[in-house]
Amino acid sequence: SPNLPIVFTCNSGNRTTKQSDLLEELAG
């Protein structure tokens, strides 16, 4: 939500970068 955004993390940032479109969609 605007008051409580999600911050995604992985080990080095590579997975979150590669899957950023999917993660953004799933965050809603």
PDB file of all heavy atoms in Angstrom:
ATOM      1  N   SER A   1       0.858  -1.179   0.000  1.00  0.00           N
ATOM      2  CA  SER A   1       0.000   0.000   0.000  1.00  0.00           C
ATOM      3  C   SER A   1       0.899   1.234   0.000  1.00  0.00           C
ATOM      4  O   SER A   1       2.087   1.139   0.319  1.00  0.00           O
ATOM      5  CB  SER A   1      -0.899   0.003   1.242  1.00  0.00           C
ATOM      6  OG  SER A   1      -0.120   0.209   2.404  1.00  0.00           O
ATOM      7  N   PRO A   2       0.342   2.392  -0.330  1.00  0.00           N
ATOM      8  CA  PRO A   2       1.169   3.606  -0.307  1.00  0.00           C
ATOM      9  C   PRO A   2       1.793   3.858   1.075  1.00  0.00           C
ATOM     10  O   PRO A   2       2.897   4.384   1.171  1.00  0.00           O
ATOM     11  CB  PRO A   2       0.194   4.715  -0.676  1.00  0.00           C
ATOM     12  CG  PRO A   2      -0.872   4.032  -1.476  1.00  0.00           C
ATOM     13  CD  PRO A   2      -0.990   2.659  -0.870  1.00  0.00           C
ATOM     14  N   ASN A   3       1.097   3.444   2.129  1.00  0.00           N
ATOM     15  CA  ASN A   3       1.621   3.637   3.489  1.00  0.00           C
ATOM     16  C   ASN A   3       2.608   2.552   3.897  1.00  0.00           C
ATOM     17  O   ASN A   3       3.366   2.724   4.849  1.00  0.00           O
ATOM     18  CB  ASN A   3       0.473   3.648   4.503  1.00  0.00           C
ATOM     19  CG  ASN A   3      -0.456   4.823   4.294  1.00  0.00           C
ATOM     20  OD1 ASN A   3      -0.074   5.845   3.734  1.00  0.00           O
ATOM     21  ND2 ASN A   3      -1.689   4.660   4.717  1.00  0.00           N
ATOM     22  N   LEU A   4       2.569   1.403   3.198  1.00  0.00           N
ATOM     23  CA  LEU A   4       3.424   0.279   3.550  1.00  0.00           C
ATOM     24  C   LEU A   4       3.907  -0.438   2.281  1.00  0.00           C
ATOM     25  O   LEU A   4       3.438  -1.524   1.934  1.00  0.00           O
ATOM     26  CB  LEU A   4       2.649  -0.695   4.449  1.00  0.00           C
ATOM     27  CG  LEU A   4       3.469  -1.697   5.244  1.00  0.00           C
ATOM     28  CD1 LEU A   4       4.426  -0.998   6.214  1.00  0.00           C
ATOM     29  CD2 LEU A   4       2.553  -2.634   6.004  1.00  0.00           C
ATOM     30  N   PRO A   5       4.875   0.182   1.583  1.00  0.00           N
ATOM     31  CA  PRO A   5       5.401  -0.458   0.364  1.00  0.00           C
ATOM     32  C   PRO A   5       6.213  -1.704   0.706  1.00  0.00           C
ATOM     33  O   PRO A   5       6.651  -1.885   1.842  1.00  0.00           O
ATOM     34  CB  PRO A   5       6.287   0.623  -0.251  1.00  0.00           C
ATOM     35  CG  PRO A   5       6.610   1.551   0.855  1.00  0.00           C
ATOM     36  CD  PRO A   5       5.503   1.456   1.863  1.00  0.00           C
ATOM     37  N   ILE A   6       6.401  -2.544  -0.304  1.00  0.00           N
ATOM     38  CA  ILE A   6       7.212  -3.750  -0.143  1.00  0.00           C
ATOM     39  C   ILE A   6       8.607  -3.485  -0.705  1.00  0.00           C
ATOM     40  O   ILE A   6       8.754  -2.931  -1.787  1.00  0.00           O
ATOM     41  CB  ILE A   6       6.587  -4.950  -0.884  1.00  0.00           C
ATOM     42  CG1 ILE A   6       5.266  -5.343  -0.242  1.00  0.00           C
ATOM     43  CG2 ILE A   6       7.546  -6.135  -0.898  1.00  0.00           C
ATOM     44  CD1 ILE A   6       4.531  -6.478  -0.955  1.00  0.00           C
ATOM     45  N   VAL A   7       9.618  -3.896   0.065  1.00  0.00           N
ATOM     46  CA  VAL A   7      10.998  -3.874  -0.402  1.00  0.00           C
ATOM     47  C   VAL A   7      11.408  -5.325  -0.589  1.00  0.00           C
ATOM     48  O   VAL A   7      11.356  -6.120   0.348  1.00  0.00           O
ATOM     49  CB  VAL A   7      11.938  -3.180   0.598  1.00  0.00           C
ATOM     50  CG1 VAL A   7      13.389  -3.278   0.137  1.00  0.00           C
ATOM     51  CG2 VAL A   7      11.547  -1.720   0.791  1.00  0.00           C
ATOM     52  N   PHE A   8      11.774  -5.683  -1.817  1.00  0.00           N
ATOM     53  CA  PHE A   8      12.201  -7.050  -2.121  1.00  0.00           C
ATOM     54  C   PHE A   8      13.714  -7.145  -1.997  1.00  0.00           C
ATOM     55  O   PHE A   8      14.437  -6.202  -2.323  1.00  0.00           O
ATOM     56  CB  PHE A   8      11.792  -7.444  -3.541  1.00  0.00           C
ATOM     57  CG  PHE A   8      10.317  -7.644  -3.709  1.00  0.00           C
ATOM     58  CD1 PHE A   8       9.527  -6.661  -4.293  1.00  0.00           C
ATOM     59  CD2 PHE A   8       9.704  -8.820  -3.285  1.00  0.00           C
ATOM     60  CE1 PHE A   8       8.167  -6.837  -4.456  1.00  0.00           C
ATOM     61  CE2 PHE A   8       8.341  -9.010  -3.439  1.00  0.00           C
ATOM     62  CZ  PHE A   8       7.561  -8.022  -4.028  1.00  0.00           C
ATOM     63  N   THR A   9      14.170  -8.304  -1.536  1.00  0.00           N
ATOM     64  CA  THR A   9      15.603  -8.540  -1.457  1.00  0.00           C
ATOM     65  C   THR A   9      15.911  -9.986  -1.792  1.00  0.00           C
ATOM     66  O   THR A   9      15.047 -10.857  -1.690  1.00  0.00           O
ATOM     67  CB  THR A   9      16.167  -8.193  -0.060  1.00  0.00           C
ATOM     68  OG1 THR A   9      17.592  -8.241  -0.108  1.00  0.00           O
ATOM     69  CG2 THR A   9      15.652  -9.130   1.021  1.00  0.00           C
ATOM     70  N   CYS A  10      17.139 -10.217  -2.224  1.00  0.00           N
ATOM     71  CA  CYS A  10      17.643 -11.564  -2.469  1.00  0.00           C
ATOM     72  C   CYS A  10      19.050 -11.598  -1.896  1.00  0.00           C
ATOM     73  O   CYS A  10      19.349 -10.848  -0.978  1.00  0.00           O
ATOM     74  CB  CYS A  10      17.598 -11.912  -3.956  1.00  0.00           C
ATOM     75  SG  CYS A  10      18.608 -10.846  -5.005  1.00  0.00           S
ATOM     76  N   ASN A  11      19.921 -12.408  -2.426  1.00  0.00           N
ATOM     77  CA  ASN A  11      21.274 -12.477  -1.887  1.00  0.00           C
ATOM     78  C   ASN A  11      22.137 -11.296  -2.328  1.00  0.00           C
ATOM     79  O   ASN A  11      22.776 -10.656  -1.508  1.00  0.00           O
ATOM     80  CB  ASN A  11      21.947 -13.790  -2.279  1.00  0.00           C
ATOM     81  CG  ASN A  11      23.273 -13.963  -1.581  1.00  0.00           C
ATOM     82  OD1 ASN A  11      23.353 -13.875  -0.371  1.00  0.00           O
ATOM     83  ND2 ASN A  11      24.323 -14.176  -2.345  1.00  0.00           N
ATOM     84  N   SER A  12      22.139 -11.006  -3.624  1.00  0.00           N
ATOM     85  CA  SER A  12      23.029  -9.962  -4.143  1.00  0.00           C
ATOM     86  C   SER A  12      22.302  -8.850  -4.893  1.00  0.00           C
ATOM     87  O   SER A  12      22.921  -7.861  -5.273  1.00  0.00           O
ATOM     88  CB  SER A  12      24.056 -10.577  -5.091  1.00  0.00           C
ATOM     89  OG  SER A  12      23.399 -11.088  -6.235  1.00  0.00           O
ATOM     90  N   GLY A  13      21.023  -9.020  -5.136  1.00  0.00           N
ATOM     91  CA  GLY A  13      20.258  -8.058  -5.925  1.00  0.00           C
ATOM     92  C   GLY A  13      20.011  -8.513  -7.347  1.00  0.00           C
ATOM     93  O   GLY A  13      19.180  -7.936  -8.047  1.00  0.00           O
ATOM     94  N   ASN A  14      20.720  -9.551  -7.793  1.00  0.00           N
ATOM     95  CA  ASN A  14      20.557 -10.020  -9.175  1.00  0.00           C
ATOM     96  C   ASN A  14      19.168 -10.587  -9.445  1.00  0.00           C
ATOM     97  O   ASN A  14      18.553 -10.284 -10.456  1.00  0.00           O
ATOM     98  CB  ASN A  14      21.616 -11.066  -9.522  1.00  0.00           C
ATOM     99  CG  ASN A  14      22.988 -10.457  -9.679  1.00  0.00           C
ATOM    100  OD1 ASN A  14      23.123  -9.265  -9.938  1.00  0.00           O
ATOM    101  ND2 ASN A  14      24.009 -11.252  -9.491  1.00  0.00           N
ATOM    102  N   ARG A  15      18.680 -11.441  -8.549  1.00  0.00           N
ATOM    103  CA  ARG A  15      17.360 -12.053  -8.770  1.00  0.00           C
ATOM    104  C   ARG A  15      16.254 -11.007  -8.743  1.00  0.00           C
ATOM    105  O   ARG A  15      15.325 -11.071  -9.546  1.00  0.00           O
ATOM    106  CB  ARG A  15      17.079 -13.130  -7.714  1.00  0.00           C
ATOM    107  CG  ARG A  15      17.704 -14.460  -8.050  1.00  0.00           C
ATOM    108  CD  ARG A  15      17.475 -15.451  -6.945  1.00  0.00           C
ATOM    109  NE  ARG A  15      18.544 -15.286  -5.970  1.00  0.00           N
ATOM    110  CZ  ARG A  15      18.771 -16.086  -4.945  1.00  0.00           C
ATOM    111  NH1 ARG A  15      17.971 -17.106  -4.715  1.00  0.00           N
ATOM    112  NH2 ARG A  15      19.779 -15.888  -4.147  1.00  0.00           N
ATOM    113  N   THR A  16      16.346 -10.064  -7.820  1.00  0.00           N
ATOM    114  CA  THR A  16      15.299  -9.043  -7.767  1.00  0.00           C
ATOM    115  C   THR A  16      15.339  -8.159  -9.010  1.00  0.00           C
ATOM    116  O   THR A  16      14.298  -7.762  -9.515  1.00  0.00           O
ATOM    117  CB  THR A  16      15.409  -8.181  -6.484  1.00  0.00           C
ATOM    118  OG1 THR A  16      16.734  -7.727  -6.323  1.00  0.00           O
ATOM    119  CG2 THR A  16      14.973  -8.951  -5.269  1.00  0.00           C
ATOM    120  N   THR A  17      16.519  -7.886  -9.515  1.00  0.00           N
ATOM    121  CA  THR A  17      16.631  -7.087 -10.739  1.00  0.00           C
ATOM    122  C   THR A  17      16.050  -7.851 -11.925  1.00  0.00           C
ATOM    123  O   THR A  17      15.257  -7.316 -12.696  1.00  0.00           O
ATOM    124  CB  THR A  17      18.100  -6.717 -11.019  1.00  0.00           C
ATOM    125  OG1 THR A  17      18.584  -5.928  -9.925  1.00  0.00           O
ATOM    126  CG2 THR A  17      18.238  -5.949 -12.311  1.00  0.00           C
ATOM    127  N   LYS A  18      16.435  -9.130 -12.065  1.00  0.00           N
ATOM    128  CA  LYS A  18      15.960  -9.931 -13.196  1.00  0.00           C
ATOM    129  C   LYS A  18      14.454 -10.173 -13.154  1.00  0.00           C
ATOM    130  O   LYS A  18      13.819 -10.293 -14.185  1.00  0.00           O
ATOM    131  CB  LYS A  18      16.692 -11.274 -13.239  1.00  0.00           C
ATOM    132  CG  LYS A  18      18.137 -11.161 -13.653  1.00  0.00           C
ATOM    133  CD  LYS A  18      18.817 -12.516 -13.637  1.00  0.00           C
ATOM    134  CE  LYS A  18      20.281 -12.371 -14.009  1.00  0.00           C
ATOM    135  NZ  LYS A  18      20.997 -13.644 -13.884  1.00  0.00           N
ATOM    136  N   GLN A  19      13.889 -10.258 -11.965  1.00  0.00           N
ATOM    137  CA  GLN A  19      12.460 -10.559 -11.819  1.00  0.00           C
ATOM    138  C   GLN A  19      11.649  -9.339 -11.379  1.00  0.00           C
ATOM    139  O   GLN A  19      10.542  -9.486 -10.864  1.00  0.00           O
ATOM    140  CB  GLN A  19      12.281 -11.696 -10.802  1.00  0.00           C
ATOM    141  CG  GLN A  19      12.937 -12.984 -11.209  1.00  0.00           C
ATOM    142  CD  GLN A  19      12.327 -13.581 -12.461  1.00  0.00           C
ATOM    143  OE1 GLN A  19      11.135 -13.470 -12.698  1.00  0.00           O
ATOM    144  NE2 GLN A  19      13.153 -14.199 -13.295  1.00  0.00           N
ATOM    145  N   SER A  20      12.179  -8.153 -11.600  1.00  0.00           N
ATOM    146  CA  SER A  20      11.527  -6.943 -11.098  1.00  0.00           C
ATOM    147  C   SER A  20      10.113  -6.746 -11.639  1.00  0.00           C
ATOM    148  O   SER A  20       9.217  -6.321 -10.902  1.00  0.00           O
ATOM    149  CB  SER A  20      12.378  -5.704 -11.365  1.00  0.00           C
ATOM    150  OG  SER A  20      12.553  -5.498 -12.742  1.00  0.00           O
ATOM    151  N   ASP A  21       9.866  -7.087 -12.897  1.00  0.00           N
ATOM    152  CA  ASP A  21       8.517  -6.938 -13.451  1.00  0.00           C
ATOM    153  C   ASP A  21       7.521  -7.846 -12.727  1.00  0.00           C
ATOM    154  O   ASP A  21       6.429  -7.418 -12.354  1.00  0.00           O
ATOM    155  CB  ASP A  21       8.496  -7.233 -14.951  1.00  0.00           C
ATOM    156  CG  ASP A  21       9.226  -6.179 -15.765  1.00  0.00           C
ATOM    157  OD1 ASP A  21       9.421  -5.061 -15.265  1.00  0.00           O
ATOM    158  OD2 ASP A  21       9.605  -6.489 -16.924  1.00  0.00           O
ATOM    159  N   LEU A  22       7.907  -9.097 -12.522  1.00  0.00           N
ATOM    160  CA  LEU A  22       7.045 -10.045 -11.811  1.00  0.00           C
ATOM    161  C   LEU A  22       6.818  -9.589 -10.371  1.00  0.00           C
ATOM    162  O   LEU A  22       5.684  -9.585  -9.887  1.00  0.00           O
ATOM    163  CB  LEU A  22       7.680 -11.440 -11.808  1.00  0.00           C
ATOM    164  CG  LEU A  22       7.009 -12.481 -10.905  1.00  0.00           C
ATOM    165  CD1 LEU A  22       5.607 -12.813 -11.411  1.00  0.00           C
ATOM    166  CD2 LEU A  22       7.872 -13.723 -10.802  1.00  0.00           C
ATOM    167  N   LEU A  23       7.884  -9.179  -9.691  1.00  0.00           N
ATOM    168  CA  LEU A  23       7.761  -8.768  -8.291  1.00  0.00           C
ATOM    169  C   LEU A  23       6.894  -7.523  -8.152  1.00  0.00           C
ATOM    170  O   LEU A  23       6.074  -7.433  -7.232  1.00  0.00           O
ATOM    171  CB  LEU A  23       9.149  -8.532  -7.689  1.00  0.00           C
ATOM    172  CG  LEU A  23      10.043  -9.770  -7.616  1.00  0.00           C
ATOM    173  CD1 LEU A  23      11.439  -9.396  -7.168  1.00  0.00           C
ATOM    174  CD2 LEU A  23       9.441 -10.824  -6.708  1.00  0.00           C
ATOM    175  N   GLU A  24       7.043  -6.593  -9.081  1.00  0.00           N
ATOM    176  CA  GLU A  24       6.219  -5.385  -9.050  1.00  0.00           C
ATOM    177  C   GLU A  24       4.746  -5.737  -9.229  1.00  0.00           C
ATOM    178  O   GLU A  24       3.873  -5.203  -8.551  1.00  0.00           O
ATOM    179  CB  GLU A  24       6.691  -4.426 -10.147  1.00  0.00           C
ATOM    180  CG  GLU A  24       6.099  -3.044 -10.037  1.00  0.00           C
ATOM    181  CD  GLU A  24       6.799  -2.066 -10.958  1.00  0.00           C
ATOM    182  OE1 GLU A  24       7.420  -2.485 -11.962  1.00  0.00           O
ATOM    183  OE2 GLU A  24       6.709  -0.855 -10.679  1.00  0.00           O
ATOM    184  N   GLU A  25       4.478  -6.678 -10.127  1.00  0.00           N
ATOM    185  CA  GLU A  25       3.102  -7.123 -10.364  1.00  0.00           C
ATOM    186  C   GLU A  25       2.536  -7.806  -9.118  1.00  0.00           C
ATOM    187  O   GLU A  25       1.404  -7.543  -8.707  1.00  0.00           O
ATOM    188  CB  GLU A  25       3.082  -8.083 -11.550  1.00  0.00           C
ATOM    189  CG  GLU A  25       1.720  -8.658 -11.855  1.00  0.00           C
ATOM    190  CD  GLU A  25       1.782  -9.694 -12.971  1.00  0.00           C
ATOM    191  OE1 GLU A  25       2.576  -9.516 -13.921  1.00  0.00           O
ATOM    192  OE2 GLU A  25       1.037 -10.680 -12.867  1.00  0.00           O
ATOM    193  N   LEU A  26       3.328  -8.695  -8.505  1.00  0.00           N
ATOM    194  CA  LEU A  26       2.871  -9.426  -7.330  1.00  0.00           C
ATOM    195  C   LEU A  26       2.698  -8.524  -6.107  1.00  0.00           C
ATOM    196  O   LEU A  26       1.883  -8.819  -5.235  1.00  0.00           O
ATOM    197  CB  LEU A  26       3.838 -10.563  -6.995  1.00  0.00           C
ATOM    198  CG  LEU A  26       3.891 -11.700  -7.997  1.00  0.00           C
ATOM    199  CD1 LEU A  26       5.012 -12.675  -7.638  1.00  0.00           C
ATOM    200  CD2 LEU A  26       2.561 -12.434  -8.064  1.00  0.00           C
ATOM    201  N   ALA A  27       3.460  -7.436  -6.055  1.00  0.00           N
ATOM    202  CA  ALA A  27       3.355  -6.515  -4.914  1.00  0.00           C
ATOM    203  C   ALA A  27       1.985  -5.853  -4.880  1.00  0.00           C
ATOM    204  O   ALA A  27       1.462  -5.544  -3.810  1.00  0.00           O
ATOM    205  CB  ALA A  27       4.455  -5.470  -4.964  1.00  0.00           C
ATOM    206  N   GLY A  28       1.406  -5.603  -6.041  1.00  0.00           N
ATOM    207  CA  GLY A  28       0.082  -4.992  -6.091  1.00  0.00           C
ATOM    208  C   GLY A  28       0.051  -3.567  -5.565  1.00  0.00           C
ATOM    209  O   GLY A  28      -1.011  -3.059  -5.187  1.00  0.00           O
TER     210      GLY A  28
END
